Protein backbone atom coordinates (compact mmCIF):
# COMPACT_ATOMS: atom_id res chain seq x y z
CA MET A 1 99.72 122.25 113.75
CA ASP A 2 102.20 123.31 111.05
CA LEU A 3 100.07 125.79 109.09
CA PRO A 4 102.32 126.05 105.99
CA VAL A 5 102.36 122.26 105.67
CA GLU A 6 98.60 122.02 106.18
CA PHE A 7 98.08 124.71 103.51
CA LEU A 8 100.34 122.85 101.10
CA LYS A 9 98.51 119.57 101.72
CA ALA A 10 95.12 121.26 101.26
CA TYR A 11 95.76 123.50 98.26
CA LEU A 12 99.08 122.89 96.53
CA ILE A 13 99.03 119.21 95.57
CA PRO A 14 98.15 118.76 91.88
CA GLY A 15 95.17 116.52 91.29
CA SER A 16 93.08 117.73 94.21
CA GLU A 17 89.83 119.67 93.91
CA SER A 18 91.28 122.51 95.98
CA PHE A 19 94.33 122.84 93.70
CA LEU A 20 91.99 122.96 90.71
CA LEU A 21 89.79 125.58 92.36
CA LEU A 22 92.79 127.70 93.34
CA GLY A 23 94.16 127.51 89.80
CA LEU A 24 90.79 128.45 88.30
CA VAL A 25 90.51 131.48 90.58
CA ILE A 26 94.03 132.66 89.69
CA GLY A 27 93.41 132.13 85.98
CA VAL A 28 90.09 133.98 85.95
CA VAL A 29 91.48 136.87 88.00
CA LEU A 30 94.38 137.23 85.55
CA LEU A 31 91.93 137.24 82.65
CA TYR A 32 90.10 140.28 83.99
CA ILE A 33 92.76 142.33 85.77
CA SER A 34 94.01 144.00 82.62
CA PRO A 35 94.68 143.30 78.94
CA ALA A 36 98.35 142.78 79.84
CA THR A 37 97.57 139.85 82.17
CA ARG A 38 94.89 138.29 79.98
CA LYS A 39 97.32 136.02 78.13
CA TRP A 40 98.74 134.81 81.45
CA GLY A 41 95.26 133.99 82.66
CA GLY A 42 94.55 132.03 79.50
CA GLY A 43 97.83 130.19 79.89
CA VAL A 44 97.06 129.23 83.50
CA LEU A 45 93.62 127.88 82.56
CA ALA A 46 94.93 125.99 79.54
CA GLY A 47 97.80 124.54 81.56
CA LEU A 48 95.44 123.51 84.33
CA ALA A 49 93.13 121.75 81.88
CA ALA A 50 96.06 119.93 80.25
CA LEU A 51 97.51 118.89 83.62
CA TYR A 52 94.26 117.42 84.92
CA LEU A 53 93.55 115.69 81.65
CA LEU A 54 97.00 114.10 81.71
CA MET A 55 96.72 113.05 85.35
CA SER A 56 93.36 111.42 84.60
CA VAL A 57 94.91 108.99 82.10
CA PRO A 58 95.31 105.52 83.72
CA THR A 59 98.62 104.82 81.98
CA VAL A 60 100.05 108.11 83.25
CA ALA A 61 98.81 107.44 86.80
CA GLY A 62 100.48 104.04 86.69
CA ALA A 63 103.75 105.63 85.60
CA PHE A 64 103.60 108.08 88.52
CA GLU A 65 103.13 105.17 90.91
CA ARG A 66 105.95 103.07 89.45
CA ALA A 67 108.34 106.00 89.89
CA LEU A 68 107.74 105.84 93.66
CA ILE A 69 107.92 102.08 94.17
CA ASP A 70 111.17 100.93 95.78
CA GLY A 71 111.18 97.40 94.38
CA SER A 72 109.97 95.65 97.54
CA GLN A 73 107.99 92.47 96.91
CA PRO A 74 105.36 90.77 99.09
CA ILE A 75 106.72 87.94 101.22
CA ARG A 76 105.62 84.61 99.77
CA LYS A 77 107.36 82.13 102.10
CA ALA A 78 107.88 82.26 105.85
CA SER A 79 111.56 81.47 105.24
CA GLU A 80 111.97 84.90 103.65
CA ALA A 81 111.62 86.40 107.14
CA ALA A 82 112.65 83.51 109.36
CA GLY A 83 112.14 84.08 113.06
CA VAL A 84 109.81 87.03 112.66
CA GLU A 85 106.92 87.05 115.13
CA THR A 86 105.53 90.55 114.61
CA ILE A 87 103.70 92.16 111.67
CA VAL A 88 103.23 95.94 111.67
CA VAL A 89 100.54 97.38 109.41
CA LEU A 90 100.34 101.15 108.89
CA SER A 91 97.08 102.98 108.39
CA GLY A 92 96.38 104.79 105.15
CA GLY A 93 93.23 106.75 105.92
CA SER A 94 89.73 106.28 107.26
CA VAL A 95 86.58 108.33 107.80
CA THR A 96 84.39 108.53 110.89
CA TYR A 97 80.64 109.10 110.55
CA ARG A 98 78.83 110.15 113.73
CA ALA A 99 75.21 111.13 114.20
CA ARG A 100 72.70 110.90 117.07
CA GLY A 101 74.81 108.64 119.22
CA GLY A 102 75.84 106.25 116.46
CA GLU A 103 79.20 105.83 114.77
CA ILE A 104 80.54 104.09 111.67
CA ASN A 105 84.22 104.01 110.73
CA GLU A 106 85.10 103.33 107.11
CA LEU A 107 88.62 102.41 106.03
CA SER A 108 90.10 103.89 102.88
CA ASP A 109 90.97 101.70 99.91
CA SER A 110 94.66 101.71 100.79
CA THR A 111 94.09 100.84 104.45
CA SER A 112 91.75 97.99 103.48
CA LEU A 113 94.35 96.52 101.14
CA ARG A 114 97.03 96.81 103.84
CA VAL A 115 94.75 94.96 106.28
CA LEU A 116 94.28 92.16 103.75
CA GLU A 117 98.05 91.84 103.34
CA ALA A 118 98.57 91.74 107.11
CA ALA A 119 95.94 89.00 107.42
CA ARG A 120 97.64 86.97 104.69
CA LEU A 121 100.97 87.29 106.47
CA TYR A 122 99.42 86.32 109.80
CA LYS A 123 98.37 82.99 108.30
CA LEU A 124 101.84 82.58 106.76
CA PHE A 125 103.76 83.21 109.97
CA ALA A 126 101.74 80.93 112.24
CA ASP A 127 100.28 82.97 115.07
CA ALA A 128 102.37 86.11 114.80
CA GLN A 129 101.42 89.29 116.62
CA VAL A 130 99.91 92.05 114.46
CA VAL A 131 100.39 95.71 115.39
CA ALA A 132 97.90 98.11 113.77
CA SER A 133 99.22 101.67 113.75
CA GLY A 134 97.15 104.78 113.12
CA GLY A 135 95.72 107.66 115.12
CA ALA A 136 92.92 110.18 114.68
CA GLU A 137 93.05 113.30 112.51
CA GLU A 138 89.96 115.46 112.87
CA VAL A 139 90.96 117.82 110.07
CA VAL A 140 90.31 115.06 107.52
CA GLY A 141 87.29 113.59 109.28
CA THR A 142 89.00 110.80 111.23
CA LEU A 143 87.51 111.18 114.69
CA THR A 144 88.27 107.65 115.92
CA PRO A 145 91.88 106.37 115.72
CA GLU A 146 92.35 104.45 112.49
CA SER A 147 93.76 101.50 114.43
CA VAL A 148 90.29 100.79 115.87
CA PRO A 149 88.48 99.98 112.59
CA MET A 150 91.68 98.27 111.43
CA LEU A 151 91.37 95.91 114.39
CA GLU A 152 87.74 95.22 113.51
CA GLU A 153 88.59 94.39 109.91
CA LEU A 154 91.60 92.28 110.87
CA VAL A 155 89.33 90.19 113.07
CA ALA A 156 86.78 89.98 110.26
CA VAL A 157 89.39 88.49 107.89
CA GLY A 158 90.67 85.90 110.33
CA VAL A 159 93.16 87.44 112.79
CA PRO A 160 92.22 86.67 116.42
CA ALA A 161 91.64 89.81 118.51
CA ASP A 162 94.06 88.62 121.19
CA ARG A 163 96.89 88.61 118.61
CA ILE A 164 96.36 92.29 117.69
CA ARG A 165 97.97 95.27 119.40
CA LEU A 166 97.07 98.89 118.67
CA GLU A 167 99.22 101.99 118.27
CA SER A 168 96.60 104.74 118.25
CA HIS A 169 98.46 108.03 118.71
CA SER A 170 100.23 108.65 115.39
CA GLY A 171 99.05 111.22 112.90
CA SER A 172 101.83 110.80 110.35
CA THR A 173 104.42 108.33 109.11
CA HIS A 174 107.10 110.17 111.11
CA GLU A 175 105.06 109.81 114.31
CA GLN A 176 104.35 106.15 113.53
CA ALA A 177 108.07 105.46 113.28
CA GLU A 178 108.80 107.16 116.61
CA ASN A 179 105.86 105.59 118.47
CA LEU A 180 106.45 102.13 117.04
CA ALA A 181 110.14 102.31 117.97
CA ARG A 182 109.19 102.85 121.61
CA LEU A 183 106.47 100.19 121.55
CA LEU A 184 108.49 97.49 119.79
CA LYS A 185 111.72 98.05 121.68
CA ALA A 186 109.81 97.87 124.97
CA ARG A 187 108.55 94.45 123.89
CA GLY A 188 111.99 93.31 122.77
CA VAL A 189 111.02 93.16 119.10
CA GLU A 190 114.02 93.66 116.83
CA ARG A 191 112.80 92.34 113.46
CA PHE A 192 109.31 92.66 112.08
CA VAL A 193 107.46 92.67 108.78
CA LEU A 194 106.18 96.08 107.69
CA VAL A 195 102.99 96.36 105.65
CA THR A 196 101.99 99.48 103.77
CA SER A 197 101.13 100.50 100.19
CA PRO A 198 103.83 100.16 97.51
CA ILE A 199 104.09 103.91 96.85
CA HIS A 200 104.38 104.58 100.60
CA MET A 201 106.92 101.87 101.38
CA ARG A 202 110.01 103.92 100.51
CA ARG A 203 109.12 106.69 102.99
CA ALA A 204 107.90 104.24 105.61
CA ILE A 205 111.08 102.13 105.50
CA ALA A 206 113.30 105.21 105.61
CA SER A 207 111.36 106.60 108.59
CA MET A 208 111.55 103.30 110.47
CA ARG A 209 115.29 103.00 109.88
CA ALA A 210 115.82 106.58 111.06
CA ALA A 211 114.06 105.58 114.29
CA GLY A 212 116.45 102.67 114.78
CA LEU A 213 114.18 99.91 113.48
CA ASP A 214 114.98 97.26 110.89
CA PRO A 215 111.74 96.30 109.11
CA ILE A 216 111.28 93.68 106.42
CA PRO A 217 108.94 95.09 103.75
CA SER A 218 105.90 93.27 102.43
CA PRO A 219 103.84 95.77 100.43
CA SER A 220 100.11 95.38 99.98
CA ALA A 221 98.43 95.70 96.60
CA GLN A 222 98.34 99.29 95.41
CA HIS A 223 94.85 98.88 94.00
CA SER A 224 92.00 96.44 94.27
CA GLU A 225 91.74 93.89 91.46
CA GLY A 226 90.11 95.36 88.37
CA HIS A 227 91.00 98.97 89.24
CA ILE A 228 91.21 101.20 86.17
CA VAL A 229 94.91 102.01 86.76
CA THR A 230 95.85 98.32 86.82
CA ARG A 231 94.16 97.89 83.44
CA GLY A 232 95.93 100.87 81.91
CA GLY A 233 94.61 102.67 78.86
CA PHE A 234 94.44 106.26 77.66
CA LEU A 235 90.80 107.15 78.31
CA PRO A 236 90.66 109.64 81.21
CA HIS A 237 88.97 108.40 84.39
CA PRO A 238 88.33 110.02 87.82
CA ALA A 239 89.88 107.04 89.64
CA ALA A 240 93.11 107.57 87.69
CA LEU A 241 93.12 111.23 88.73
CA ASP A 242 92.79 110.12 92.37
CA ALA A 243 95.75 107.76 91.91
CA SER A 244 97.86 110.51 90.33
CA HIS A 245 96.99 112.85 93.18
CA ALA A 246 98.05 110.23 95.74
CA ALA A 247 101.35 109.78 93.92
CA MET A 248 101.94 113.53 93.81
CA ARG A 249 101.18 113.77 97.52
CA GLU A 250 103.63 111.00 98.31
CA SER A 251 106.35 112.64 96.18
CA LEU A 252 105.97 115.92 98.05
CA ALA A 253 105.92 114.07 101.40
CA LEU A 254 109.19 112.36 100.52
CA ALA A 255 110.77 115.70 99.70
CA TYR A 256 109.43 117.27 102.90
CA TYR A 257 110.72 114.42 105.10
CA TRP A 258 114.15 114.70 103.49
CA ILE A 259 114.25 118.49 103.94
CA GLN A 260 113.26 118.07 107.60
CA GLY A 261 116.12 115.60 108.06
CA TRP A 262 113.74 112.82 109.11
CA ILE A 263 114.92 110.38 106.43
CA ASP A 264 117.86 109.65 104.17
CA LEU A 265 116.89 108.81 100.63
CA PRO A 266 118.88 106.37 98.46
């Protein structure tokens, strides 16, 4: 585990509860250390309040998301990806609940929307193979590989189980690219449609290309119909704060992948 990266993900991404708590602690400490630091403490607290208020505005959250979108559009006709027989859908989070021998796996909003897009494409491409990619990550409560509940939901929305393959060992987009490259090349798959969220597509495509793959993007919806961010407006809302946080996280991930040399950004 890369501890600095895990610390950054847990505490240094604006919009999260932990970032807010860390900022509050720093601000309060500065208030009471000495008269000389009091103004700095007040500035930290005021800045924190302004930042979270701004990030909670639906119109602002939408602007953050649009800045990350690479312009990819969902495939509408099979001719747009002629000859493609494989659809790869990337996980975007899930939670495992276990107690007294029972287990329930719940997909995140983004993973659910990606599954719906993969199911739509399956019907469009006439009996294509769907590869669901996503492993387990105990640190965030995912005890069962995300690909498992993805398979269940794909079947529930009309994709036959025998047309679904699982990639269940990846804990990040970088690992998904490497593992999928081995899996797809072993099966002789050269072209495939890649499904992920719009704000994640830029990093996903870049990672796949760095691994020697040539995906055709078909982004899912970013939000479910009726979501507060899709409606816009200037009244702060917790769901808009969540969307802003996700966009901030993706921005930092892009920068980290580029610094690591894992991707080339346009």
